[in-house]
Amino acid sequence: MWEIVYKGNLIAVEKHAEKGFERAVRPPGVRLILQNSESEILLTKEFRPEQGKVDYRLPGGKVFDDLESYLNVRDDEQKLAAAVMKAAVLEAKQEAGVDEIKNLEIVARSVAGASIEWDLYYLVGTISAMSEQELDGDEKHHGIAVDFYTEDQVLTMLRSGEVSEDRTAGVLFRYLSSM
């Protein structure tokens, strides 16, 4: 029903065979809601060039480094879930220095919309061990600070816009209201 009419390294454009609609397809990302033994939430603080400012974020990143790897598992829920879990563990280590996570589970999937397929998977877990970050590329250049915040502090940051990734803000608000 959908046919790829353009394929780049990270983005494809698909066209619906009958309706002629188009949609962009990008591999999914992960975001991690990680808590320490005091139930504080880990947030990163980093300069975001696309925003031109410092932003507080959940650690996370890409599930796949290229489009083709995603397309190979896109329709296999088990393989996709395994890739999401693997990427979450890797991103936790690289961005935040988290070595071990207990009870890591996928709790939400944020869908970008009908014309753009770029899902973000949100996972929660409890940190059991930390060490040094393993930043690379732009992360190393801009630096990523890691700290823990209470539920009230995170809610204040969400309300003030200090956490400016809107999809993350929505998921965090829902998560915190369910605690």
Protein backbone atom coordinates (compact mmCIF):
# COMPACT_ATOMS: atom_id res chain seq x y z
CA MET A 1 0.00 0.00 0.00
CA TRP A 2 2.95 2.36 0.77
CA GLU A 3 5.85 2.64 -1.67
CA ILE A 4 9.21 4.24 -0.94
CA VAL A 5 9.79 7.00 -3.51
CA TYR A 6 12.93 8.43 -1.91
CA LYS A 7 15.46 6.83 0.40
CA GLY A 8 18.32 8.70 2.05
CA ASN A 9 20.68 7.59 4.79
CA LEU A 10 18.30 8.48 7.62
CA ILE A 11 14.97 9.47 6.03
CA ALA A 12 12.67 7.94 3.44
CA VAL A 13 9.58 9.34 1.77
CA GLU A 14 6.73 6.93 1.16
CA LYS A 15 3.71 7.48 -1.06
CA HIS A 16 0.35 5.80 -0.55
CA ALA A 17 -0.46 3.84 -3.70
CA GLU A 18 -4.19 4.65 -3.76
CA LYS A 19 -4.55 8.02 -2.05
CA GLY A 20 -1.29 9.62 -3.15
CA PHE A 21 -0.49 10.84 0.37
CA GLU A 22 3.14 11.05 1.38
CA ARG A 23 4.87 10.52 4.68
CA ALA A 24 8.42 10.85 5.90
CA VAL A 25 9.92 7.85 7.69
CA ARG A 26 12.78 8.13 10.16
CA PRO A 27 14.12 5.45 12.50
CA PRO A 28 12.76 5.70 16.04
CA GLY A 29 14.47 7.13 19.09
CA VAL A 30 14.57 6.28 22.78
CA ARG A 31 14.21 8.41 25.89
CA LEU A 32 14.91 7.10 29.38
CA ILE A 33 13.12 7.96 32.60
CA LEU A 34 15.71 6.72 35.07
CA GLN A 35 15.45 7.05 38.83
CA ASN A 36 18.00 6.59 41.58
CA SER A 37 17.35 4.88 44.94
CA GLU A 38 15.83 8.14 46.28
CA SER A 39 13.29 8.20 43.39
CA GLU A 40 14.96 11.25 41.86
CA ILE A 41 14.87 11.47 38.07
CA LEU A 42 18.04 11.73 36.00
CA LEU A 43 18.07 14.60 33.51
CA THR A 44 20.82 15.80 31.24
CA LYS A 45 21.63 19.43 30.60
CA GLU A 46 23.13 20.25 27.24
CA PHE A 47 23.39 22.95 24.61
CA ARG A 48 21.12 22.12 21.66
CA PRO A 49 22.31 23.79 18.44
CA GLU A 50 18.92 23.36 16.74
CA GLN A 51 17.34 25.38 19.56
CA GLY A 52 20.25 27.72 20.16
CA LYS A 53 19.97 27.20 23.91
CA VAL A 54 20.61 24.91 26.84
CA ASP A 55 17.93 22.30 27.40
CA TYR A 56 17.16 19.75 30.09
CA ARG A 57 16.42 16.35 28.59
CA LEU A 58 15.94 12.71 29.29
CA PRO A 59 18.97 10.74 28.13
CA GLY A 60 18.32 9.09 24.80
CA GLY A 61 19.11 8.92 21.14
CA LYS A 62 18.62 6.91 17.97
CA VAL A 63 17.65 3.26 17.92
CA PHE A 64 19.32 2.79 14.52
CA ASP A 65 22.16 4.74 12.94
CA ASP A 66 20.75 4.31 9.43
CA LEU A 67 17.42 3.92 7.70
CA GLU A 68 18.10 0.51 6.15
CA SER A 69 18.69 -1.12 9.55
CA TYR A 70 15.31 0.19 10.71
CA LEU A 71 13.48 -0.88 7.56
CA ASN A 72 14.82 -4.42 8.05
CA VAL A 73 12.99 -4.78 11.40
CA ARG A 74 10.21 -2.21 11.06
CA ASP A 75 7.43 -4.80 10.76
CA ASP A 76 8.80 -7.25 13.35
CA GLU A 77 7.62 -6.10 16.79
CA GLN A 78 9.93 -8.45 18.70
CA LYS A 79 13.07 -7.43 16.81
CA LEU A 80 12.12 -3.76 17.05
CA ALA A 81 11.51 -4.03 20.82
CA ALA A 82 14.87 -5.77 21.25
CA ALA A 83 16.60 -3.00 19.29
CA VAL A 84 14.83 -0.36 21.43
CA MET A 85 16.04 -2.04 24.65
CA LYS A 86 19.60 -2.38 23.34
CA ALA A 87 19.69 1.29 22.25
CA ALA A 88 18.31 2.40 25.61
CA VAL A 89 21.09 0.62 27.52
CA LEU A 90 23.72 2.05 25.16
CA GLU A 91 22.39 5.62 25.36
CA ALA A 92 22.14 5.44 29.15
CA LYS A 93 25.83 4.50 29.32
CA GLN A 94 27.04 6.97 26.70
CA GLU A 95 25.07 10.06 27.68
CA ALA A 96 24.61 9.57 31.40
CA GLY A 97 27.24 7.08 32.59
CA VAL A 98 24.61 4.60 33.73
CA ASP A 99 26.16 1.13 33.89
CA GLU A 100 23.25 -0.93 35.21
CA ILE A 101 19.49 -0.46 35.12
CA LYS A 102 17.00 -2.59 37.04
CA ASN A 103 13.50 -3.29 35.74
CA LEU A 104 13.99 -1.51 32.41
CA GLU A 105 10.75 -1.52 30.45
CA ILE A 106 9.07 0.32 27.60
CA VAL A 107 6.19 2.38 29.00
CA ALA A 108 5.18 4.64 26.12
CA ARG A 109 5.52 5.20 22.41
CA SER A 110 5.08 8.74 21.14
CA VAL A 111 3.92 8.86 17.53
CA ALA A 112 4.81 12.02 15.59
CA GLY A 113 1.74 12.00 13.36
CA ALA A 114 0.18 10.66 10.17
CA SER A 115 2.56 12.34 7.75
CA ILE A 116 5.77 11.74 9.71
CA GLU A 117 6.74 8.37 11.14
CA TRP A 118 9.29 9.08 13.86
CA ASP A 119 8.34 7.25 17.00
CA LEU A 120 10.00 7.91 20.34
CA TYR A 121 10.03 5.01 22.79
CA TYR A 122 10.07 5.91 26.48
CA LEU A 123 11.53 3.48 28.97
CA VAL A 124 11.64 3.54 32.75
CA GLY A 125 14.06 1.86 35.09
CA THR A 126 15.99 2.16 38.32
CA ILE A 127 19.70 2.93 38.23
CA SER A 128 21.80 0.40 40.12
CA ALA A 129 25.30 1.48 39.04
CA MET A 130 26.93 4.54 37.46
CA SER A 131 30.39 5.53 36.25
CA GLU A 132 31.75 7.88 33.57
CA GLN A 133 29.91 9.02 30.46
CA GLU A 134 31.16 7.88 27.05
CA LEU A 135 30.31 10.95 24.98
CA ASP A 136 31.15 11.12 21.30
CA GLY A 137 31.13 13.70 18.50
CA ASP A 138 28.87 16.68 19.16
CA GLU A 139 28.05 15.34 22.62
CA LYS A 140 31.70 15.64 23.60
CA HIS A 141 32.00 19.06 21.94
CA HIS A 142 28.95 20.56 23.65
CA GLY A 143 29.19 18.54 26.84
CA ILE A 144 26.32 16.90 28.67
CA ALA A 145 25.87 17.47 32.40
CA VAL A 146 24.03 14.83 34.41
CA ASP A 147 22.09 15.44 37.60
CA PHE A 148 19.15 14.11 39.60
CA TYR A 149 15.96 16.04 40.33
CA THR A 150 12.99 15.47 42.60
CA GLU A 151 9.52 15.03 41.15
CA ASP A 152 8.62 18.61 42.17
CA GLN A 153 11.76 20.01 40.54
CA VAL A 154 11.02 18.14 37.29
CA LEU A 155 7.42 19.39 37.29
CA THR A 156 8.67 22.96 37.75
CA MET A 157 11.12 22.50 34.85
CA LEU A 158 8.35 21.09 32.65
CA ARG A 159 6.03 24.01 33.44
CA SER A 160 8.75 26.60 32.81
CA GLY A 161 9.80 25.09 29.48
CA GLU A 162 13.30 24.18 30.65
CA VAL A 163 12.47 20.70 29.34
CA SER A 164 11.56 21.87 25.86
CA GLU A 165 11.17 18.66 23.86
CA ASP A 166 7.38 18.73 23.77
CA ARG A 167 6.86 15.00 23.28
CA THR A 168 9.05 14.31 26.30
CA ALA A 169 7.25 16.95 28.35
CA GLY A 170 3.91 15.25 27.68
CA VAL A 171 5.17 11.78 28.53
CA LEU A 172 6.93 13.02 31.70
CA PHE A 173 3.80 14.86 32.86
CA ARG A 174 1.74 11.68 32.42
CA TYR A 175 4.41 9.54 34.07
CA LEU A 176 4.74 11.82 37.10
CA SER A 177 0.98 12.13 37.51
CA SER A 178 0.71 8.32 37.67
CA MET A 179 3.24 7.98 40.51
